[in-house]
């Protein structure tokens, strides 16, 4: 059976848990559905295995970024998938999150190319902060995961500061 046909057959077995114009995981704009467990897992294990082990089959509205980040990774719950997204976003965008904050006055004093780069970084950081806020409020990300992600950002900020000091 080819992939498209498998998708159509197995997709019908999943219950729609969340259908919205916002991604279930991060609140960004929706591009499709995420399947929990992933379709690949269902194809390889078979539906009998899922039913016998009482593994629910849900699909939720999802943005393309979250959907591709999750891929075929198996997490036993939608909460587990949300926690993975929270951690993954911190890892993936560590440089933007660790970069220093600039005041409007400081930005205006820069030449145009540097100013544009910093303004773009601030846009990305704002987009990430909206996604993190959604994840924290909607999915109640555990404190231990929040602390690990904060430690990751603070460590990178410290490394960047040391690199700057060495270059002076």
Protein backbone atom coordinates (compact mmCIF):
# COMPACT_ATOMS: atom_id res chain seq x y z
CA UNK A 1 0.00 0.00 0.00
CA UNK A 2 1.48 3.36 -0.95
CA UNK A 3 2.00 6.19 1.54
CA UNK A 4 -0.92 8.37 0.40
CA UNK A 5 -3.36 5.48 0.57
CA UNK A 6 -2.07 4.48 4.02
CA UNK A 7 -2.53 8.06 5.17
CA UNK A 8 -6.15 8.14 4.00
CA UNK A 9 -6.97 4.78 5.58
CA UNK A 10 -5.28 5.41 8.95
CA UNK A 11 -6.19 9.09 9.17
CA UNK A 12 -9.88 8.11 9.41
CA UNK A 13 -9.17 6.08 12.56
CA UNK A 14 -8.02 9.14 14.52
CA UNK A 15 -10.49 11.25 16.51
CA UNK A 16 -10.23 15.01 16.12
CA UNK A 17 -9.27 16.25 19.58
CA UNK A 18 -8.58 19.89 18.69
CA UNK A 19 -9.64 21.69 15.53
CA UNK A 20 -8.88 25.38 15.40
CA UNK A 21 -7.10 28.07 13.40
CA UNK A 22 -4.36 28.00 16.08
CA UNK A 23 -1.78 25.27 16.59
CA UNK A 24 -2.64 23.07 19.56
CA UNK A 25 0.97 23.12 20.74
CA UNK A 26 2.17 26.71 20.25
CA UNK A 27 -0.75 28.90 19.13
CA UNK A 28 0.78 29.71 15.74
CA UNK A 29 -1.24 29.52 12.50
CA UNK A 30 -2.40 26.02 11.53
CA UNK A 31 -1.06 24.18 8.48
CA UNK A 32 -2.62 20.75 9.05
CA UNK A 33 -2.99 18.02 11.67
CA UNK A 34 -0.58 16.26 13.99
CA UNK A 35 -1.36 12.63 14.76
CA UNK A 36 -0.80 11.21 18.24
CA UNK A 37 0.54 8.56 18.09
CA UNK A 38 2.29 9.35 14.78
CA UNK A 39 0.86 7.66 11.70
CA UNK A 40 4.13 5.80 11.18
CA UNK A 41 3.82 4.27 14.64
CA UNK A 42 0.26 3.15 13.87
CA UNK A 43 1.37 1.63 10.55
CA UNK A 44 4.24 -0.32 12.13
CA UNK A 45 2.52 -1.45 15.36
CA UNK A 46 -0.91 -1.96 13.86
CA UNK A 47 -4.25 -0.81 15.18
CA UNK A 48 -4.79 -4.03 17.17
CA UNK A 49 -1.73 -3.20 19.27
CA UNK A 50 -3.06 0.30 19.95
CA UNK A 51 -6.53 -0.95 20.90
CA UNK A 52 -5.16 -3.75 23.13
CA UNK A 53 -2.90 -1.31 24.97
CA UNK A 54 -5.61 1.36 25.16
CA UNK A 55 -3.53 3.93 23.32
CA UNK A 56 -5.90 6.68 22.16
CA UNK A 57 -5.59 7.97 18.60
CA UNK A 58 -6.01 11.74 18.33
CA UNK A 59 -5.29 14.37 15.75
CA UNK A 60 -4.90 18.03 16.58
CA UNK A 61 -4.59 21.23 14.55
CA UNK A 62 -0.90 21.95 14.16
CA UNK A 63 1.46 24.44 12.50
CA UNK A 64 4.05 23.11 10.06
CA UNK A 65 6.94 23.93 12.40
CA UNK A 66 5.59 21.88 15.33
CA UNK A 67 4.46 19.06 13.03
CA UNK A 68 7.86 18.73 11.37
CA UNK A 69 9.67 19.02 14.73
CA UNK A 70 7.60 16.18 16.15
CA UNK A 71 7.90 14.01 13.05
CA UNK A 72 7.53 10.32 13.87
CA UNK A 73 8.63 10.69 17.49
CA UNK A 74 6.46 8.71 19.84
CA UNK A 75 5.31 10.38 23.03
CA UNK A 76 2.57 8.67 24.98
CA UNK A 77 0.42 11.75 25.23
CA UNK A 78 -0.35 15.14 23.73
CA UNK A 79 1.19 16.67 26.88
CA UNK A 80 4.44 14.79 26.20
CA UNK A 81 4.46 16.14 22.66
CA UNK A 82 3.87 19.71 23.93
CA UNK A 83 6.76 19.36 26.40
CA UNK A 84 9.02 18.16 23.57
CA UNK A 85 8.06 21.21 21.45
CA UNK A 86 8.84 23.57 24.35
CA UNK A 87 12.30 22.06 24.80
CA UNK A 88 12.96 21.78 21.06
CA UNK A 89 12.16 25.45 20.44
CA UNK A 90 14.64 26.48 23.13
CA UNK A 91 17.35 24.29 21.61
CA UNK A 92 16.65 25.33 18.03
CA UNK A 93 16.51 29.06 18.65
CA UNK A 94 19.12 29.25 21.40
CA UNK A 95 21.19 31.94 19.65
CA UNK A 96 18.20 34.29 19.27
CA UNK A 97 17.09 33.70 22.85
CA UNK A 98 20.58 34.24 24.26
CA UNK A 99 21.29 37.42 22.29
CA UNK A 100 21.28 40.66 24.28
CA UNK A 101 18.24 42.92 24.47
CA UNK A 102 18.63 46.31 22.78
CA UNK A 103 16.85 49.53 23.66
CA UNK A 104 15.23 51.54 20.87
CA UNK A 105 17.82 54.27 21.43
CA UNK A 106 20.70 51.79 21.00
CA UNK A 107 19.14 50.34 17.85
CA UNK A 108 18.68 53.79 16.27
CA UNK A 109 22.40 54.56 16.75
CA UNK A 110 23.46 51.58 14.60
CA UNK A 111 24.05 51.52 10.85
CA UNK A 112 21.15 50.28 8.75
CA UNK A 113 22.34 46.71 8.07
CA UNK A 114 23.07 45.96 11.73
CA UNK A 115 19.86 47.70 12.79
CA UNK A 116 17.84 45.50 10.39
CA UNK A 117 19.55 42.33 11.66
CA UNK A 118 18.81 43.23 15.29
CA UNK A 119 15.22 44.23 14.53
CA UNK A 120 14.71 40.91 12.73
CA UNK A 121 16.15 39.06 15.72
CA UNK A 122 13.73 40.94 17.98
CA UNK A 123 10.82 39.88 15.74
CA UNK A 124 11.90 36.23 16.00
CA UNK A 125 12.32 36.55 19.76
CA UNK A 126 8.80 38.07 20.05
CA UNK A 127 7.36 35.24 17.93
CA UNK A 128 9.12 32.69 20.17
CA UNK A 129 7.97 34.36 23.38
CA UNK A 130 4.34 34.24 22.19
CA UNK A 131 4.75 30.53 21.45
CA UNK A 132 6.39 29.85 24.83
CA UNK A 133 3.63 31.76 26.62
CA UNK A 134 0.98 29.63 24.85
CA UNK A 135 2.84 26.44 25.76
CA UNK A 136 3.22 27.46 29.41
CA UNK A 137 -0.39 28.60 29.83
CA UNK A 138 -2.22 25.98 27.78
CA UNK A 139 -0.08 22.93 28.49
CA UNK A 140 1.23 23.84 31.96
CA UNK A 141 4.82 22.87 31.16
CA UNK A 142 6.43 21.42 34.34
CA UNK A 143 8.83 23.64 36.26
CA UNK A 144 11.73 21.20 35.77
CA UNK A 145 11.50 21.56 31.97
CA UNK A 146 11.18 25.36 32.24
CA UNK A 147 14.27 25.46 34.48
CA UNK A 148 16.30 23.24 32.11
CA UNK A 149 15.46 25.52 29.19
CA UNK A 150 16.28 28.65 31.18
CA UNK A 151 19.61 27.12 32.22
CA UNK A 152 20.35 26.38 28.56
CA UNK A 153 19.74 30.02 27.55
CA UNK A 154 21.68 31.46 30.51
CA UNK A 155 24.64 29.18 29.82
CA UNK A 156 24.73 30.30 26.19
CA UNK A 157 24.50 33.96 27.24
CA UNK A 158 27.48 33.41 29.56
CA UNK A 159 29.44 31.73 26.74
CA UNK A 160 28.69 34.60 24.34
CA UNK A 161 29.76 37.15 26.95
CA UNK A 162 33.07 35.32 27.48
CA UNK A 163 33.66 35.10 23.73
CA UNK A 164 33.14 38.86 23.43
CA UNK A 165 35.53 39.57 26.31
CA UNK A 166 38.24 37.36 24.76
CA UNK A 167 37.96 39.16 21.44
CA UNK A 168 38.52 42.59 23.05
